[in-house]
Amino acid sequence: MEYLKFTDFRNHSKEYFEKIEAGESYIIIRKGIPVAKIIPFENREKGWKRNIEKIKIKSNKTTLDYILSERSEA
């Protein structure tokens, strides 16, 4: 597990998250004091997000027209 300065983590977070996804772990240091430990999940299954169906809108209607027609049908 490597020590990492907070400012380095903040400035290069994308690169560090890619390394974390690859299995690396870090201890974040702020003002010389360890403040957080970042470790990858062992089981990386989908979390709270769910699949949302996208609405197809007919080309002759605006989004508002589509929403109003859906409400009147319900």
Protein backbone atom coordinates (compact mmCIF):
# COMPACT_ATOMS: atom_id res chain seq x y z
CA MET A 1 0.00 0.00 0.00
CA GLU A 2 1.46 3.32 -1.08
CA TYR A 3 1.23 6.68 0.67
CA LEU A 4 -0.15 9.46 -1.49
CA LYS A 5 -0.36 13.19 -0.88
CA PHE A 6 -3.89 14.57 -0.97
CA THR A 7 -2.99 17.21 -3.56
CA ASP A 8 -1.48 14.58 -5.87
CA PHE A 9 -4.60 12.46 -5.53
CA ARG A 10 -6.86 15.46 -6.17
CA ASN A 11 -4.90 16.64 -9.20
CA HIS A 12 -4.55 13.18 -10.79
CA SER A 13 -7.62 11.38 -9.47
CA LYS A 14 -8.55 9.82 -12.82
CA GLU A 15 -5.18 8.09 -13.13
CA TYR A 16 -5.27 6.93 -9.50
CA PHE A 17 -8.79 5.52 -9.84
CA GLU A 18 -7.65 3.54 -12.87
CA LYS A 19 -4.81 2.12 -10.76
CA ILE A 20 -7.24 1.35 -7.93
CA GLU A 21 -9.52 -0.49 -10.36
CA ALA A 22 -6.44 -2.50 -11.39
CA GLY A 23 -5.92 -3.55 -7.75
CA GLU A 24 -3.64 -0.97 -6.13
CA SER A 25 -4.35 0.53 -2.69
CA TYR A 26 -3.43 3.93 -1.27
CA ILE A 27 -3.29 5.77 2.04
CA ILE A 28 -4.07 9.46 1.53
CA ILE A 29 -1.90 11.87 3.53
CA ARG A 30 -3.05 15.42 4.29
CA LYS A 31 -0.72 17.81 6.14
CA GLY A 32 1.44 14.82 7.10
CA ILE A 33 -1.45 12.89 8.70
CA PRO A 34 -3.09 9.79 7.19
CA VAL A 35 -6.76 10.62 6.56
CA ALA A 36 -8.11 7.89 4.29
CA LYS A 37 -7.39 4.45 2.92
CA ILE A 38 -8.56 3.67 -0.60
CA ILE A 39 -8.80 0.01 -1.54
CA PRO A 40 -10.51 -1.69 -4.48
CA PHE A 41 -13.67 -3.75 -3.98
CA GLU A 42 -13.14 -7.47 -4.25
CA ASN A 43 -16.59 -8.11 -5.71
CA ARG A 44 -17.26 -5.53 -8.41
CA GLU A 45 -20.91 -6.11 -9.22
CA LYS A 46 -23.26 -3.32 -10.18
CA GLY A 47 -24.38 -1.19 -7.30
CA TRP A 48 -27.35 1.05 -6.77
CA LYS A 49 -27.71 2.22 -10.36
CA ARG A 50 -30.44 0.63 -12.36
CA ASN A 51 -31.05 0.40 -16.05
CA ILE A 52 -33.38 3.12 -17.24
CA GLU A 53 -35.21 2.74 -20.50
CA LYS A 54 -34.75 5.65 -22.85
CA ILE A 55 -37.86 7.21 -24.31
CA LYS A 56 -38.01 7.48 -28.09
CA ILE A 57 -39.74 10.64 -29.18
CA LYS A 58 -41.44 10.87 -32.53
CA SER A 59 -39.78 13.41 -34.74
CA ASN A 60 -42.89 15.59 -35.13
CA LYS A 61 -43.36 16.06 -31.36
CA THR A 62 -41.40 18.04 -28.83
CA THR A 63 -40.47 16.58 -25.47
CA LEU A 64 -43.21 18.63 -23.80
CA ASP A 65 -45.83 17.38 -26.28
CA TYR A 66 -44.76 13.80 -25.60
CA ILE A 67 -44.94 14.23 -21.80
CA LEU A 68 -48.38 15.88 -21.99
CA SER A 69 -49.72 13.12 -24.22
CA GLU A 70 -48.37 10.47 -21.82
CA ARG A 71 -50.06 12.21 -18.88
CA SER A 72 -53.41 12.44 -20.69
CA GLU A 73 -53.30 8.70 -21.55
CA ALA A 74 -52.69 7.68 -17.92
